[in-house]
Amino acid sequence: MTQFNANPRFGLCILLFLVLTSAGCTSTWKSTFEPASPSIYPPSDRVVIREVPWERIDSVLRDIDASRASSDTHPDEWTPAQREAEKSLLVTALQLSEDPASLEILGRSVFTSTANVNLFDGSLSAFGRSIGADYAIWSTSYLGKTQTVQREPVTSTGFGYSRHYRRDGHADYDYLPYQETVYVPVVVERDEFAWLVFFVRTNK
């Protein structure tokens, strides 16, 4: 059964992780994925990547969280009808027109980032296909400015010398130019965004 936990900072029933993407690392979508289904599916043929407004998904997830908080019954003990009703709310929030009974919420990836997130570089689609998803429904929200530490190159130039001795014992010096680059930590202010992607499978 799908379960979502509240986080008051972003007004979403989600747990946010700070992840900065970088080339060569595990994809952000995979490293922050929170599975909602115990089922394992074969890879899908293609994934439809679609956006929904943050305010829309925020509102529905707030309602789901409030409903769970007011229930005298733990969600693990809900009836199939109660679970389907909650699922229908989420499907509606994701703007999917299919019958909710024909859809399965596989899970979600959720994180914050100050780096540029490219939704169409192939990594999101590849991960979605790998878990058998037919849809990757994403949303993002601006969180404001935050301070981050990054390494900046600092280059210095100058002259060095080498010393050698002649046979008469006197020293000669050869002066040589040099250039040296070191990376130093610098605190910079960047825009921070929250990202949320739901992965959905159509049970054909």
N, C-alpha and C. Protein backbone atom coordinates (compact mmCIF):
# COMPACT_ATOMS: atom_id res chain seq x y z
N MET A 1 0.84 -1.19 0.00
CA MET A 1 0.00 0.00 0.00
C MET A 1 0.87 1.24 0.00
N THR A 2 0.51 2.22 -0.80
CA THR A 2 1.26 3.47 -0.87
C THR A 2 1.08 4.27 0.40
N GLN A 3 2.20 4.77 0.97
CA GLN A 3 2.14 5.62 2.14
C GLN A 3 3.02 6.83 1.92
N PHE A 4 2.55 8.00 2.38
CA PHE A 4 3.31 9.22 2.24
C PHE A 4 3.36 9.93 3.58
N ASN A 5 4.54 10.43 3.95
CA ASN A 5 4.73 11.10 5.23
C ASN A 5 4.83 12.60 5.03
N ALA A 6 4.38 13.35 6.01
CA ALA A 6 4.33 14.81 5.89
C ALA A 6 5.68 15.45 6.17
N ASN A 7 5.92 16.58 5.50
CA ASN A 7 7.08 17.41 5.78
C ASN A 7 6.61 18.85 5.75
N PRO A 8 6.55 19.56 6.88
CA PRO A 8 5.92 20.88 6.91
C PRO A 8 6.68 21.94 6.14
N ARG A 9 7.98 21.76 5.89
CA ARG A 9 8.73 22.82 5.23
C ARG A 9 8.22 23.10 3.84
N PHE A 10 7.88 22.07 3.09
CA PHE A 10 7.48 22.27 1.71
C PHE A 10 5.99 22.11 1.50
N GLY A 11 5.23 21.82 2.58
CA GLY A 11 3.80 21.70 2.43
C GLY A 11 3.38 20.49 1.64
N LEU A 12 4.26 19.51 1.49
CA LEU A 12 3.96 18.29 0.75
C LEU A 12 4.14 17.12 1.68
N CYS A 13 3.40 16.06 1.44
CA CYS A 13 3.56 14.85 2.23
C CYS A 13 4.70 14.05 1.65
N ILE A 14 5.89 14.59 1.76
CA ILE A 14 7.06 13.95 1.16
C ILE A 14 8.26 14.13 2.04
N LEU A 15 9.22 13.27 1.94
CA LEU A 15 10.50 13.40 2.61
C LEU A 15 11.51 13.85 1.58
N LEU A 16 12.10 15.03 1.78
CA LEU A 16 12.97 15.62 0.77
C LEU A 16 14.43 15.35 1.11
N PHE A 17 15.17 14.98 0.11
CA PHE A 17 16.60 14.76 0.24
C PHE A 17 17.34 15.80 -0.60
N LEU A 18 18.44 16.30 -0.08
CA LEU A 18 19.28 17.24 -0.84
C LEU A 18 20.25 16.43 -1.68
N VAL A 19 20.08 16.50 -2.98
CA VAL A 19 20.91 15.75 -3.90
C VAL A 19 21.39 16.68 -5.00
N LEU A 20 22.66 16.81 -5.19
CA LEU A 20 23.22 17.59 -6.29
C LEU A 20 23.66 16.62 -7.36
N THR A 21 23.11 16.77 -8.54
CA THR A 21 23.45 15.86 -9.61
C THR A 21 24.83 16.15 -10.14
N SER A 22 25.49 15.11 -10.62
CA SER A 22 26.82 15.25 -11.24
C SER A 22 27.02 14.12 -12.22
N ALA A 23 27.80 14.39 -13.28
CA ALA A 23 28.02 13.40 -14.32
C ALA A 23 28.77 12.22 -13.75
N GLY A 24 28.38 11.03 -14.20
CA GLY A 24 29.06 9.82 -13.78
C GLY A 24 28.51 9.23 -12.51
N CYS A 25 27.60 9.92 -11.81
CA CYS A 25 27.04 9.40 -10.57
C CYS A 25 25.74 8.66 -10.87
N THR A 26 25.27 7.88 -9.87
CA THR A 26 23.98 7.24 -9.99
C THR A 26 22.93 8.30 -10.26
N SER A 27 21.97 8.04 -11.15
CA SER A 27 20.99 9.04 -11.50
C SER A 27 20.20 9.48 -10.27
N THR A 28 19.86 10.76 -10.23
CA THR A 28 19.11 11.30 -9.11
C THR A 28 17.78 10.59 -8.95
N TRP A 29 17.16 10.25 -10.07
CA TRP A 29 15.85 9.59 -10.02
C TRP A 29 15.95 8.24 -9.29
N LYS A 30 17.04 7.53 -9.53
CA LYS A 30 17.23 6.22 -8.89
C LYS A 30 17.65 6.36 -7.43
N SER A 31 18.58 7.26 -7.16
CA SER A 31 19.11 7.37 -5.80
C SER A 31 18.10 7.93 -4.81
N THR A 32 17.07 8.65 -5.29
CA THR A 32 16.06 9.21 -4.38
C THR A 32 14.71 8.51 -4.50
N PHE A 33 14.69 7.39 -5.22
CA PHE A 33 13.41 6.71 -5.47
C PHE A 33 12.88 6.07 -4.19
N GLU A 34 11.59 6.31 -3.91
CA GLU A 34 10.89 5.71 -2.78
C GLU A 34 9.81 4.79 -3.33
N PRO A 35 10.02 3.48 -3.32
CA PRO A 35 9.02 2.57 -3.90
C PRO A 35 7.73 2.56 -3.08
N ALA A 36 6.62 2.47 -3.78
CA ALA A 36 5.31 2.38 -3.13
C ALA A 36 4.65 1.04 -3.39
N SER A 37 5.24 0.26 -4.27
CA SER A 37 4.67 -1.04 -4.63
C SER A 37 5.72 -2.12 -4.44
N PRO A 38 5.34 -3.26 -3.85
CA PRO A 38 6.30 -4.35 -3.69
C PRO A 38 6.50 -5.15 -4.98
N SER A 39 5.67 -4.89 -5.97
CA SER A 39 5.74 -5.65 -7.22
C SER A 39 6.95 -5.25 -8.05
N ILE A 40 7.48 -6.20 -8.79
CA ILE A 40 8.59 -5.95 -9.71
C ILE A 40 8.10 -6.25 -11.12
N TYR A 41 8.29 -5.29 -12.03
CA TYR A 41 7.78 -5.43 -13.39
C TYR A 41 8.92 -5.43 -14.40
N PRO A 42 8.68 -6.02 -15.54
CA PRO A 42 9.69 -5.94 -16.61
C PRO A 42 9.76 -4.51 -17.14
N PRO A 43 10.85 -4.15 -17.78
CA PRO A 43 10.98 -2.79 -18.31
C PRO A 43 9.86 -2.46 -19.29
N SER A 44 9.44 -1.21 -19.27
CA SER A 44 8.41 -0.75 -20.20
C SER A 44 9.05 -0.29 -21.50
N ASP A 45 8.23 -0.16 -22.54
CA ASP A 45 8.74 0.25 -23.85
C ASP A 45 9.08 1.73 -23.92
N ARG A 46 8.25 2.55 -23.30
CA ARG A 46 8.46 4.00 -23.33
C ARG A 46 7.79 4.62 -22.11
N VAL A 47 8.26 5.81 -21.77
CA VAL A 47 7.73 6.55 -20.62
C VAL A 47 7.25 7.91 -21.09
N VAL A 48 6.02 8.25 -20.76
CA VAL A 48 5.49 9.58 -21.04
C VAL A 48 5.90 10.50 -19.89
N ILE A 49 6.66 11.54 -20.19
CA ILE A 49 7.10 12.51 -19.19
C ILE A 49 6.15 13.70 -19.24
N ARG A 50 5.52 13.98 -18.11
CA ARG A 50 4.47 15.00 -18.10
C ARG A 50 4.55 15.84 -16.83
N GLU A 51 4.25 17.12 -16.94
CA GLU A 51 4.29 18.02 -15.80
C GLU A 51 2.90 18.25 -15.23
N VAL A 52 2.80 18.38 -13.90
CA VAL A 52 1.59 18.86 -13.25
C VAL A 52 1.98 20.02 -12.35
N PRO A 53 1.09 20.99 -12.13
CA PRO A 53 1.42 22.13 -11.28
C PRO A 53 1.70 21.71 -9.84
N TRP A 54 2.69 22.32 -9.24
CA TRP A 54 3.04 22.01 -7.85
C TRP A 54 1.87 22.26 -6.90
N GLU A 55 1.15 23.37 -7.13
CA GLU A 55 0.03 23.71 -6.25
C GLU A 55 -1.04 22.63 -6.27
N ARG A 56 -1.22 21.99 -7.42
CA ARG A 56 -2.25 20.96 -7.54
C ARG A 56 -1.88 19.72 -6.73
N ILE A 57 -0.66 19.22 -6.91
CA ILE A 57 -0.25 18.03 -6.20
C ILE A 57 -0.09 18.33 -4.71
N ASP A 58 0.34 19.54 -4.39
CA ASP A 58 0.49 19.95 -3.00
C ASP A 58 -0.85 19.89 -2.28
N SER A 59 -1.88 20.44 -2.93
CA SER A 59 -3.20 20.49 -2.32
C SER A 59 -3.75 19.09 -2.03
N VAL A 60 -3.61 18.19 -3.01
CA VAL A 60 -4.15 16.84 -2.83
C VAL A 60 -3.36 16.06 -1.79
N LEU A 61 -2.04 16.20 -1.79
CA LEU A 61 -1.25 15.48 -0.79
C LEU A 61 -1.53 16.00 0.62
N ARG A 62 -1.82 17.29 0.74
CA ARG A 62 -2.24 17.83 2.03
C ARG A 62 -3.54 17.17 2.48
N ASP A 63 -4.50 17.04 1.55
CA ASP A 63 -5.78 16.41 1.88
C ASP A 63 -5.59 14.96 2.30
N ILE A 64 -4.72 14.24 1.59
CA ILE A 64 -4.46 12.84 1.94
C ILE A 64 -3.85 12.74 3.34
N ASP A 65 -2.90 13.63 3.62
CA ASP A 65 -2.26 13.63 4.92
C ASP A 65 -3.26 13.94 6.04
N ALA A 66 -4.13 14.92 5.80
CA ALA A 66 -5.13 15.29 6.79
C ALA A 66 -6.12 14.14 7.02
N SER A 67 -6.50 13.45 5.94
CA SER A 67 -7.43 12.33 6.05
C SER A 67 -6.82 11.20 6.88
N ARG A 68 -5.57 10.92 6.68
CA ARG A 68 -4.90 9.86 7.44
C ARG A 68 -4.78 10.25 8.91
N ALA A 69 -4.49 11.54 9.16
CA ALA A 69 -4.33 12.01 10.53
C ALA A 69 -5.64 11.95 11.31
N SER A 70 -6.76 12.17 10.63
CA SER A 70 -8.06 12.19 11.30
C SER A 70 -8.71 10.81 11.41
N SER A 71 -8.13 9.83 10.72
CA SER A 71 -8.72 8.48 10.72
C SER A 71 -8.40 7.76 12.03
N ASP A 72 -9.40 7.08 12.59
CA ASP A 72 -9.19 6.28 13.79
C ASP A 72 -8.60 4.92 13.47
N THR A 73 -8.50 4.63 12.18
CA THR A 73 -7.96 3.35 11.74
C THR A 73 -6.62 3.58 11.05
N HIS A 74 -5.61 2.80 11.40
CA HIS A 74 -4.31 2.92 10.74
C HIS A 74 -4.46 2.55 9.27
N PRO A 75 -3.77 3.27 8.37
CA PRO A 75 -3.87 2.96 6.94
C PRO A 75 -3.57 1.51 6.59
N ASP A 76 -2.73 0.84 7.38
CA ASP A 76 -2.45 -0.57 7.12
C ASP A 76 -3.68 -1.45 7.29
N GLU A 77 -4.67 -0.94 8.00
CA GLU A 77 -5.89 -1.70 8.26
C GLU A 77 -7.08 -1.18 7.47
N TRP A 78 -6.83 -0.29 6.54
CA TRP A 78 -7.93 0.23 5.73
C TRP A 78 -8.50 -0.87 4.84
N THR A 79 -9.75 -0.67 4.49
CA THR A 79 -10.41 -1.59 3.56
C THR A 79 -9.93 -1.31 2.14
N PRO A 80 -10.09 -2.26 1.23
CA PRO A 80 -9.74 -1.99 -0.17
C PRO A 80 -10.43 -0.76 -0.72
N ALA A 81 -11.68 -0.53 -0.29
CA ALA A 81 -12.41 0.64 -0.79
C ALA A 81 -11.75 1.94 -0.32
N GLN A 82 -11.28 1.98 0.93
CA GLN A 82 -10.60 3.18 1.43
C GLN A 82 -9.29 3.43 0.70
N ARG A 83 -8.57 2.37 0.43
CA ARG A 83 -7.30 2.51 -0.28
C ARG A 83 -7.52 2.99 -1.71
N GLU A 84 -8.55 2.46 -2.35
CA GLU A 84 -8.85 2.88 -3.72
C GLU A 84 -9.30 4.34 -3.77
N ALA A 85 -10.02 4.77 -2.73
CA ALA A 85 -10.47 6.16 -2.69
C ALA A 85 -9.29 7.11 -2.58
N GLU A 86 -8.30 6.75 -1.76
CA GLU A 86 -7.11 7.58 -1.64
C GLU A 86 -6.31 7.57 -2.94
N LYS A 87 -6.22 6.40 -3.55
CA LYS A 87 -5.50 6.28 -4.81
C LYS A 87 -6.17 7.13 -5.90
N SER A 88 -7.48 7.15 -5.91
CA SER A 88 -8.22 7.94 -6.90
C SER A 88 -7.90 9.43 -6.76
N LEU A 89 -7.77 9.90 -5.52
CA LEU A 89 -7.41 11.30 -5.29
C LEU A 89 -6.04 11.61 -5.89
N LEU A 90 -5.10 10.70 -5.69
CA LEU A 90 -3.75 10.93 -6.22
C LEU A 90 -3.73 10.87 -7.74
N VAL A 91 -4.46 9.93 -8.32
CA VAL A 91 -4.53 9.82 -9.78
C VAL A 91 -5.13 11.10 -10.37
N THR A 92 -6.16 11.62 -9.70
CA THR A 92 -6.77 12.87 -10.15
C THR A 92 -5.77 14.02 -10.08
N ALA A 93 -4.99 14.07 -9.00
CA ALA A 93 -3.99 15.12 -8.85
C ALA A 93 -2.94 15.05 -9.94
N LEU A 94 -2.63 13.84 -10.40
CA LEU A 94 -1.63 13.64 -11.45
C LEU A 94 -2.20 13.86 -12.85
N GLN A 95 -3.47 14.19 -12.92
CA GLN A 95 -4.15 14.50 -14.19
C GLN A 95 -4.08 13.33 -15.18
N LEU A 96 -4.27 12.13 -14.65
CA LEU A 96 -4.33 10.95 -15.51
C LEU A 96 -5.79 10.59 -15.75
N SER A 97 -6.13 10.38 -17.02
CA SER A 97 -7.53 10.16 -17.39
C SER A 97 -7.96 8.70 -17.29
N GLU A 98 -7.00 7.79 -17.13
CA GLU A 98 -7.35 6.37 -17.05
C GLU A 98 -8.11 6.04 -15.76
N ASP A 99 -8.80 4.93 -15.79
CA ASP A 99 -9.47 4.42 -14.60
C ASP A 99 -8.41 4.15 -13.54
N PRO A 100 -8.56 4.71 -12.32
CA PRO A 100 -7.56 4.47 -11.28
C PRO A 100 -7.31 3.00 -11.01
N ALA A 101 -8.32 2.17 -11.22
CA ALA A 101 -8.15 0.73 -10.99
C ALA A 101 -7.16 0.11 -11.96
N SER A 102 -6.95 0.75 -13.10
CA SER A 102 -6.03 0.22 -14.11
C SER A 102 -4.62 0.76 -13.95
N LEU A 103 -4.38 1.60 -12.93
CA LEU A 103 -3.09 2.22 -12.72
C LEU A 103 -2.46 1.75 -11.41
N GLU A 104 -1.15 1.72 -11.38
CA GLU A 104 -0.43 1.40 -10.16
C GLU A 104 0.66 2.46 -9.94
N ILE A 105 0.64 3.05 -8.74
CA ILE A 105 1.66 4.01 -8.36
C ILE A 105 2.89 3.22 -7.92
N LEU A 106 3.95 3.27 -8.72
CA LEU A 106 5.15 2.48 -8.41
C LEU A 106 6.00 3.14 -7.33
N GLY A 107 5.94 4.44 -7.23
CA GLY A 107 6.74 5.16 -6.25
C GLY A 107 7.06 6.55 -6.75
N ARG A 108 8.00 7.19 -6.10
CA ARG A 108 8.32 8.56 -6.46
C ARG A 108 9.78 8.86 -6.15
N SER A 109 10.31 9.84 -6.85
CA SER A 109 11.63 10.39 -6.56
C SER A 109 11.40 11.82 -6.09
N VAL A 110 12.06 12.20 -5.01
CA VAL A 110 11.84 13.52 -4.45
C VAL A 110 13.15 14.02 -3.86
N PHE A 111 13.50 15.27 -4.19
CA PHE A 111 14.77 15.83 -3.75
C PHE A 111 14.76 17.34 -3.94
N THR A 112 15.76 18.00 -3.40
CA THR A 112 15.98 19.42 -3.68
C THR A 112 17.32 19.55 -4.38
N SER A 113 17.46 20.62 -5.16
CA SER A 113 18.70 20.79 -5.90
C SER A 113 18.94 22.26 -6.22
N THR A 114 20.21 22.63 -6.18
CA THR A 114 20.61 23.95 -6.66
C THR A 114 21.25 23.84 -8.04
N ALA A 115 21.38 22.62 -8.53
CA ALA A 115 21.96 22.39 -9.86
C ALA A 115 20.86 22.31 -10.91
N ASN A 116 21.23 22.51 -12.14
CA ASN A 116 20.28 22.40 -13.23
C ASN A 116 19.82 20.95 -13.38
N VAL A 117 18.51 20.73 -13.42
CA VAL A 117 17.95 19.39 -13.58
C VAL A 117 17.38 19.28 -14.99
N ASN A 118 17.94 18.38 -15.78
CA ASN A 118 17.50 18.18 -17.16
C ASN A 118 16.57 16.97 -17.21
N LEU A 119 15.30 17.23 -17.43
CA LEU A 119 14.30 16.16 -17.45
C LEU A 119 14.35 15.33 -18.72
N PHE A 120 15.01 15.87 -19.74
CA PHE A 120 14.97 15.21 -21.05
C PHE A 120 16.36 14.83 -21.56
N ASP A 121 17.26 14.54 -20.62
CA ASP A 121 18.58 14.08 -21.03
C ASP A 121 18.64 12.57 -21.17
N GLY A 122 17.52 11.91 -20.95
CA GLY A 122 17.44 10.46 -21.10
C GLY A 122 17.48 9.69 -19.80
N SER A 123 18.00 10.29 -18.73
CA SER A 123 18.14 9.56 -17.47
C SER A 123 16.80 9.29 -16.80
N LEU A 124 15.88 10.26 -16.82
CA LEU A 124 14.57 10.06 -16.22
C LEU A 124 13.80 9.00 -16.98
N SER A 125 13.80 9.09 -18.30
CA SER A 125 13.11 8.11 -19.13
C SER A 125 13.70 6.72 -18.93
N ALA A 126 15.03 6.63 -18.87
CA ALA A 126 15.69 5.33 -18.71
C ALA A 126 15.33 4.69 -17.38
N PHE A 127 15.33 5.48 -16.30
CA PHE A 127 14.98 4.91 -15.00
C PHE A 127 13.52 4.49 -14.96
N GLY A 128 12.64 5.33 -15.51
CA GLY A 128 11.22 4.98 -15.55
C GLY A 128 10.99 3.67 -16.28
N ARG A 129 11.64 3.49 -17.42
CA ARG A 129 11.49 2.24 -18.17
C ARG A 129 12.02 1.06 -17.37
N SER A 130 13.12 1.27 -16.65
CA SER A 130 13.75 0.17 -15.93
C SER A 130 12.87 -0.40 -14.82
N ILE A 131 11.97 0.42 -14.26
CA ILE A 131 11.09 -0.08 -13.21
C ILE A 131 9.69 -0.42 -13.73
N GLY A 132 9.51 -0.31 -15.06
CA GLY A 132 8.24 -0.69 -15.66
C GLY A 132 7.20 0.39 -15.69
N ALA A 133 7.61 1.65 -15.54
CA ALA A 133 6.65 2.76 -15.53
C ALA A 133 6.25 3.15 -16.95
N ASP A 134 5.01 3.60 -17.08
CA ASP A 134 4.53 4.15 -18.34
C ASP A 134 4.45 5.67 -18.29
N TYR A 135 4.39 6.23 -17.07
CA TYR A 135 4.34 7.67 -16.88
C TYR A 135 5.38 8.09 -15.85
N ALA A 136 5.98 9.27 -16.08
CA ALA A 136 6.79 9.95 -15.08
C ALA A 136 6.18 11.35 -14.94
N ILE A 137 5.42 11.56 -13.89
CA ILE A 137 4.69 12.81 -13.70
C ILE A 137 5.50 13.68 -12.73
N TRP A 138 5.98 14.83 -13.22
CA TRP A 138 6.88 15.64 -12.41
C TRP A 138 6.30 17.00 -12.04
N SER A 139 6.84 17.55 -10.96
CA SER A 139 6.47 18.89 -10.53
C SER A 139 7.66 19.50 -9.80
N THR A 140 7.74 20.82 -9.81
CA THR A 140 8.86 21.49 -9.14
C THR A 140 8.38 22.79 -8.52
N SER A 141 9.09 23.22 -7.49
CA SER A 141 8.72 24.46 -6.79
C SER A 141 9.98 25.19 -6.35
N TYR A 142 9.98 26.49 -6.51
CA TYR A 142 11.12 27.32 -6.09
C TYR A 142 11.09 27.50 -4.58
N LEU A 143 12.20 27.23 -3.92
CA LEU A 143 12.28 27.30 -2.47
C LEU A 143 12.96 28.56 -1.97
N GLY A 144 13.66 29.26 -2.84
CA GLY A 144 14.36 30.46 -2.42
C GLY A 144 15.87 30.32 -2.58
N LYS A 145 16.59 31.24 -1.98
CA LYS A 145 18.05 31.25 -2.06
C LYS A 145 18.63 30.38 -0.94
N THR A 146 19.75 29.73 -1.24
CA THR A 146 20.47 28.96 -0.24
C THR A 146 21.96 29.07 -0.51
N GLN A 147 22.74 28.91 0.53
CA GLN A 147 24.19 28.98 0.38
C GLN A 147 24.77 27.59 0.15
N THR A 148 25.64 27.49 -0.83
CA THR A 148 26.30 26.23 -1.12
C THR A 148 27.81 26.47 -1.21
N VAL A 149 28.56 25.41 -1.05
CA VAL A 149 30.01 25.49 -1.14
C VAL A 149 30.45 24.82 -2.43
N GLN A 150 31.20 25.52 -3.23
CA GLN A 150 31.73 24.94 -4.45
C GLN A 150 33.22 25.28 -4.56
N ARG A 151 33.94 24.49 -5.33
CA ARG A 151 35.37 24.71 -5.49
C ARG A 151 35.63 25.56 -6.73
N GLU A 152 36.39 26.62 -6.53
CA GLU A 152 36.73 27.53 -7.62
C GLU A 152 38.24 27.47 -7.86
N PRO A 153 38.67 27.51 -9.14
CA PRO A 153 40.11 27.48 -9.43
C PRO A 153 40.78 28.83 -9.16
N VAL A 154 41.93 28.78 -8.55
CA VAL A 154 42.74 29.98 -8.33
C VAL A 154 44.12 29.70 -8.92
N THR A 155 44.53 30.52 -9.88
CA THR A 155 45.79 30.30 -10.59
C THR A 155 46.80 31.36 -10.19
N SER A 156 48.00 30.92 -9.91
CA SER A 156 49.09 31.84 -9.58
C SER A 156 50.26 31.59 -10.54
N THR A 157 50.99 32.65 -10.84
CA THR A 157 52.15 32.54 -11.73
C THR A 157 53.36 33.18 -11.06
N GLY A 158 54.53 32.84 -11.52
CA GLY A 158 55.75 33.41 -10.96
C GLY A 158 56.99 32.78 -11.60
N PHE A 159 58.11 32.90 -10.90
CA PHE A 159 59.36 32.32 -11.40
C PHE A 159 60.00 31.48 -10.29
N GLY A 160 60.52 30.37 -10.68
CA GLY A 160 61.32 29.56 -9.80
C GLY A 160 62.72 29.45 -10.38
N TYR A 161 63.60 28.81 -9.66
CA TYR A 161 64.97 28.69 -10.18
C TYR A 161 65.53 27.32 -9.83
N SER A 162 66.45 26.91 -10.63
CA SER A 162 67.23 25.70 -10.34
C SER A 162 68.69 26.10 -10.21
N ARG A 163 69.41 25.48 -9.34
CA ARG A 163 70.81 25.82 -9.08
C ARG A 163 71.73 24.66 -9.45
N HIS A 164 72.80 24.98 -10.11
CA HIS A 164 73.79 23.95 -10.42
C HIS A 164 75.18 24.58 -10.28
N TYR A 165 76.16 23.75 -10.05
CA TYR A 165 77.51 24.23 -9.77
C TYR A 165 78.46 23.92 -10.92
N ARG A 166 79.28 24.93 -11.20
CA ARG A 166 80.33 24.72 -12.20
C ARG A 166 81.50 23.95 -11.56
N ARG A 167 82.44 23.58 -12.37
CA ARG A 167 83.61 22.84 -11.86
C ARG A 167 84.46 23.67 -10.90
N ASP A 168 84.39 24.99 -11.07
CA ASP A 168 85.18 25.83 -10.17
C ASP A 168 84.48 26.08 -8.83
N GLY A 169 83.27 25.46 -8.66
CA GLY A 169 82.57 25.59 -7.39
C GLY A 169 81.57 26.72 -7.33
N HIS A 170 81.55 27.57 -8.33
CA HIS A 170 80.58 28.65 -8.33
C HIS A 170 79.20 28.13 -8.78
N ALA A 171 78.18 28.74 -8.22
CA ALA A 171 76.80 28.32 -8.54
C ALA A 171 76.22 29.14 -9.68
N ASP A 172 75.50 28.49 -10.55
CA ASP A 172 74.72 29.15 -11.60
C ASP A 172 73.23 28.90 -11.33
N TYR A 173 72.41 29.85 -11.72
CA TYR A 173 70.97 29.74 -11.49
C TYR A 173 70.22 29.88 -12.81
N ASP A 174 69.28 28.97 -13.01
CA ASP A 174 68.39 29.06 -14.16
C ASP A 174 67.00 29.45 -13.65
N TYR A 175 66.47 30.56 -14.13
CA TYR A 175 65.14 31.01 -13.70
C TYR A 175 64.07 30.52 -14.68
N LEU A 176 63.06 29.89 -14.12
CA LEU A 176 62.02 29.28 -14.95
C LEU A 176 60.64 29.79 -14.54
N PRO A 177 59.79 30.17 -15.50
CA PRO A 177 58.42 30.59 -15.16
C PRO A 177 57.56 29.38 -14.76
N TYR A 178 56.59 29.62 -13.91
CA TYR A 178 55.67 28.53 -13.54
C TYR A 178 54.24 29.07 -13.44
N GLN A 179 53.31 28.16 -13.54
CA GLN A 179 51.89 28.47 -13.35
C GLN A 179 51.27 27.34 -12.54
N GLU A 180 50.57 27.70 -11.48
CA GLU A 180 49.98 26.69 -10.58
C GLU A 180 48.52 27.01 -10.35
N THR A 181 47.65 25.99 -10.45
CA THR A 181 46.21 26.15 -10.21
C THR A 181 45.79 25.27 -9.05
N VAL A 182 45.15 25.86 -8.06
CA VAL A 182 44.60 25.11 -6.93
C VAL A 182 43.10 25.43 -6.84
N TYR A 183 42.34 24.51 -6.24
CA TYR A 183 40.90 24.69 -6.09
C TYR A 183 40.59 24.97 -4.62
N VAL A 184 39.91 26.07 -4.38
CA VAL A 184 39.61 26.48 -3.02
C VAL A 184 38.09 26.52 -2.82
N PRO A 185 37.61 26.18 -1.61
CA PRO A 185 36.16 26.23 -1.36
C PRO A 185 35.66 27.67 -1.27
N VAL A 186 34.54 27.92 -1.96
CA VAL A 186 33.94 29.25 -1.96
C VAL A 186 32.45 29.11 -1.67
N VAL A 187 31.93 29.93 -0.77
CA VAL A 187 30.50 29.93 -0.45
C VAL A 187 29.78 30.83 -1.45
N VAL A 188 28.79 30.27 -2.13
CA VAL A 188 28.02 31.04 -3.11
C VAL A 188 26.53 30.89 -2.81
N GLU A 189 25.75 31.83 -3.25
CA GLU A 189 24.30 31.79 -3.07
C GLU A 189 23.65 31.35 -4.37
N ARG A 190 22.78 30.34 -4.26
CA ARG A 190 22.13 29.79 -5.45
C ARG A 190 20.63 29.63 -5.22
N ASP A 191 19.89 29.57 -6.33
CA ASP A 191 18.47 29.27 -6.27
C ASP A 191 18.30 27.78 -5.95
N GLU A 192 17.36 27.45 -5.07
CA GLU A 192 17.09 26.06 -4.71
C GLU A 192 15.66 25.69 -5.12
N PHE A 193 15.52 24.49 -5.69
CA PHE A 193 14.21 24.01 -6.14
C PHE A 193 13.93 22.63 -5.52
N ALA A 194 12.66 22.39 -5.23
CA ALA A 194 12.21 21.07 -4.82
C ALA A 194 11.67 20.36 -6.07
N TRP A 195 11.97 19.07 -6.19
CA TRP A 195 11.52 18.27 -7.32
C TRP A 195 10.78 17.03 -6.84
N LEU A 196 9.72 16.69 -7.53
CA LEU A 196 8.91 15.52 -7.19
C LEU A 196 8.48 14.83 -8.48
N VAL A 197 8.72 13.54 -8.58
CA VAL A 197 8.31 12.77 -9.75
C VAL A 197 7.60 11.50 -9.29
N PHE A 198 6.38 11.30 -9.76
CA PHE A 198 5.64 10.06 -9.51
C PHE A 198 5.79 9.16 -10.73
N PHE A 199 6.05 7.89 -10.48
CA PHE A 199 6.15 6.89 -11.55
C PHE A 199 4.90 6.00 -11.49
N VAL A 200 4.23 5.92 -12.63
CA VAL A 200 2.94 5.23 -12.68
C VAL A 200 2.96 4.18 -13.79
N ARG A 201 2.39 3.03 -13.50
CA ARG A 201 2.31 1.95 -14.50
C ARG A 201 0.84 1.70 -14.86
N THR A 202 0.61 1.49 -16.14
CA THR A 202 -0.72 1.12 -16.61
C THR A 202 -0.80 -0.39 -16.70
N ASN A 203 -1.70 -0.96 -15.94
CA ASN A 203 -1.89 -2.41 -15.96
C ASN A 203 -2.81 -2.76 -17.13
N LYS A 204 -2.20 -3.15 -18.22
CA LYS A 204 -2.96 -3.41 -19.45
C LYS A 204 -3.56 -4.82 -19.39
